[in-house]
């Protein structure tokens, strides 16, 4: 993402959508609120999103700091072959 432009609402927007999120454009019609009370764990939208391999890869890259403009939230321990939050002990 190499700059800013105005989106359809006239607000500043980053150029383009990350390639790993392009699949979201194909999401079928789903409910975000199922029943009377909202529960993120019952959201059809969220369930569909996290089932997409591209979205999972995007989230992983985001928290591991793959984009050097973002803070690294998890770190890899090559000796143990594990990952953990950068604030955990």
C-alpha atoms as a PDB file:
ATOM      1  CA  UNK A   1       0.000   0.000   0.000  1.00  0.00           C
ATOM      2  CA  UNK A   2       1.821   3.015  -1.254  1.00  0.00           C
ATOM      3  CA  UNK A   3      -0.368   6.017  -0.551  1.00  0.00           C
ATOM      4  CA  UNK A   4      -3.723   7.439   0.278  1.00  0.00           C
ATOM      5  CA  UNK A   5      -6.734   8.465  -1.765  1.00  0.00           C
ATOM      6  CA  UNK A   6     -10.347   9.301  -1.071  1.00  0.00           C
ATOM      7  CA  UNK A   7     -12.816   6.449  -0.914  1.00  0.00           C
ATOM      8  CA  UNK A   8     -16.426   6.557  -2.134  1.00  0.00           C
ATOM      9  CA  UNK A   9     -17.461   8.373   1.064  1.00  0.00           C
ATOM     10  CA  UNK A  10     -14.829  11.081   0.603  1.00  0.00           C
ATOM     11  CA  UNK A  11     -12.680   9.787   3.471  1.00  0.00           C
ATOM     12  CA  UNK A  12      -8.986   8.972   3.288  1.00  0.00           C
ATOM     13  CA  UNK A  13      -8.459   5.341   2.338  1.00  0.00           C
ATOM     14  CA  UNK A  14      -5.437   3.155   1.730  1.00  0.00           C
ATOM     15  CA  UNK A  15      -4.913   2.059  -1.839  1.00  0.00           C
ATOM     16  CA  UNK A  16      -6.137  -1.398  -2.603  1.00  0.00           C
ATOM     17  CA  UNK A  17      -7.196  -4.355  -0.518  1.00  0.00           C
ATOM     18  CA  UNK A  18      -4.656  -6.895   0.673  1.00  0.00           C
ATOM     19  CA  UNK A  19      -4.563  -9.877  -1.693  1.00  0.00           C
ATOM     20  CA  UNK A  20      -5.404 -12.273   1.156  1.00  0.00           C
ATOM     21  CA  UNK A  21      -8.665 -10.420   1.781  1.00  0.00           C
ATOM     22  CA  UNK A  22      -9.894 -10.487  -1.821  1.00  0.00           C
ATOM     23  CA  UNK A  23     -11.731 -13.759  -1.072  1.00  0.00           C
ATOM     24  CA  UNK A  24     -14.055 -11.842   1.279  1.00  0.00           C
ATOM     25  CA  UNK A  25     -15.665 -10.239  -1.776  1.00  0.00           C
ATOM     26  CA  UNK A  26     -17.149 -13.695  -2.519  1.00  0.00           C
ATOM     27  CA  UNK A  27     -18.783 -14.171   0.897  1.00  0.00           C
ATOM     28  CA  UNK A  28     -22.357 -15.410   0.597  1.00  0.00           C
ATOM     29  CA  UNK A  29     -25.246 -13.748   2.413  1.00  0.00           C
ATOM     30  CA  UNK A  30     -24.846 -14.597   6.109  1.00  0.00           C
ATOM     31  CA  UNK A  31     -26.195 -13.415   9.449  1.00  0.00           C
ATOM     32  CA  UNK A  32     -24.006 -11.609  11.952  1.00  0.00           C
ATOM     33  CA  UNK A  33     -26.661 -11.695  14.678  1.00  0.00           C
ATOM     34  CA  UNK A  34     -28.374 -15.020  15.223  1.00  0.00           C
ATOM     35  CA  UNK A  35     -31.308 -14.839  17.639  1.00  0.00           C
ATOM     36  CA  UNK A  36     -32.121 -11.938  19.932  1.00  0.00           C
ATOM     37  CA  UNK A  37     -28.784 -11.274  21.606  1.00  0.00           C
ATOM     38  CA  UNK A  38     -25.579 -10.700  19.641  1.00  0.00           C
ATOM     39  CA  UNK A  39     -22.881 -13.305  20.314  1.00  0.00           C
ATOM     40  CA  UNK A  40     -19.663 -13.097  18.277  1.00  0.00           C
ATOM     41  CA  UNK A  41     -19.241 -16.858  18.744  1.00  0.00           C
ATOM     42  CA  UNK A  42     -22.516 -17.494  16.886  1.00  0.00           C
ATOM     43  CA  UNK A  43     -21.908 -15.064  14.010  1.00  0.00           C
ATOM     44  CA  UNK A  44     -22.220 -16.789  10.625  1.00  0.00           C
ATOM     45  CA  UNK A  45     -20.102 -13.993   9.135  1.00  0.00           C
ATOM     46  CA  UNK A  46     -17.219 -14.510  11.557  1.00  0.00           C
ATOM     47  CA  UNK A  47     -17.413 -18.286  11.174  1.00  0.00           C
ATOM     48  CA  UNK A  48     -17.197 -17.990   7.391  1.00  0.00           C
ATOM     49  CA  UNK A  49     -14.334 -15.496   7.586  1.00  0.00           C
ATOM     50  CA  UNK A  50     -12.132 -17.620   9.834  1.00  0.00           C
ATOM     51  CA  UNK A  51     -12.743 -20.680   7.662  1.00  0.00           C
ATOM     52  CA  UNK A  52     -11.040 -18.944   4.720  1.00  0.00           C
ATOM     53  CA  UNK A  53      -7.339 -19.913   4.418  1.00  0.00           C
ATOM     54  CA  UNK A  54      -6.468 -16.499   2.973  1.00  0.00           C
ATOM     55  CA  UNK A  55      -8.030 -14.676   5.935  1.00  0.00           C
ATOM     56  CA  UNK A  56      -6.195 -16.956   8.378  1.00  0.00           C
ATOM     57  CA  UNK A  57      -2.909 -16.202   6.599  1.00  0.00           C
ATOM     58  CA  UNK A  58      -3.634 -12.463   6.689  1.00  0.00           C
ATOM     59  CA  UNK A  59      -4.321 -12.533  10.435  1.00  0.00           C
ATOM     60  CA  UNK A  60      -1.204 -14.599  11.123  1.00  0.00           C
ATOM     61  CA  UNK A  61       0.974 -12.260   9.041  1.00  0.00           C
ATOM     62  CA  UNK A  62      -0.572  -9.274  10.810  1.00  0.00           C
ATOM     63  CA  UNK A  63       0.185 -10.473  14.355  1.00  0.00           C
ATOM     64  CA  UNK A  64       3.651 -11.813  13.567  1.00  0.00           C
ATOM     65  CA  UNK A  65       4.659  -8.386  12.288  1.00  0.00           C
ATOM     66  CA  UNK A  66       5.134  -9.523   8.694  1.00  0.00           C
ATOM     67  CA  UNK A  67       4.444  -5.958   7.599  1.00  0.00           C
ATOM     68  CA  UNK A  68       7.312  -4.024   9.180  1.00  0.00           C
ATOM     69  CA  UNK A  69       5.015  -1.017   9.643  1.00  0.00           C
ATOM     70  CA  UNK A  70       3.054  -2.962  12.267  1.00  0.00           C
ATOM     71  CA  UNK A  71       3.950  -4.039  15.770  1.00  0.00           C
ATOM     72  CA  UNK A  72       4.946  -7.681  16.208  1.00  0.00           C
ATOM     73  CA  UNK A  73       2.486  -9.335  18.611  1.00  0.00           C
ATOM     74  CA  UNK A  74       3.773 -12.925  18.516  1.00  0.00           C
ATOM     75  CA  UNK A  75       7.311 -14.281  18.258  1.00  0.00           C
ATOM     76  CA  UNK A  76       8.767 -17.577  17.091  1.00  0.00           C
ATOM     77  CA  UNK A  77      11.178 -19.601  19.235  1.00  0.00           C
ATOM     78  CA  UNK A  78      13.164 -21.621  16.678  1.00  0.00           C
ATOM     79  CA  UNK A  79      14.717 -23.863  19.349  1.00  0.00           C
ATOM     80  CA  UNK A  80      11.306 -24.981  20.628  1.00  0.00           C
ATOM     81  CA  UNK A  81       9.446 -24.608  17.333  1.00  0.00           C
ATOM     82  CA  UNK A  82       6.684 -22.638  19.060  1.00  0.00           C
ATOM     83  CA  UNK A  83       5.060 -19.211  18.917  1.00  0.00           C
ATOM     84  CA  UNK A  84       3.924 -17.024  21.833  1.00  0.00           C
ATOM     85  CA  UNK A  85       2.701 -13.527  22.538  1.00  0.00           C
ATOM     86  CA  UNK A  86       5.507 -10.993  22.895  1.00  0.00           C
ATOM     87  CA  UNK A  87       4.106  -9.930  26.298  1.00  0.00           C
ATOM     88  CA  UNK A  88       3.812 -13.450  27.757  1.00  0.00           C
ATOM     89  CA  UNK A  89       6.353 -14.970  30.099  1.00  0.00           C
END
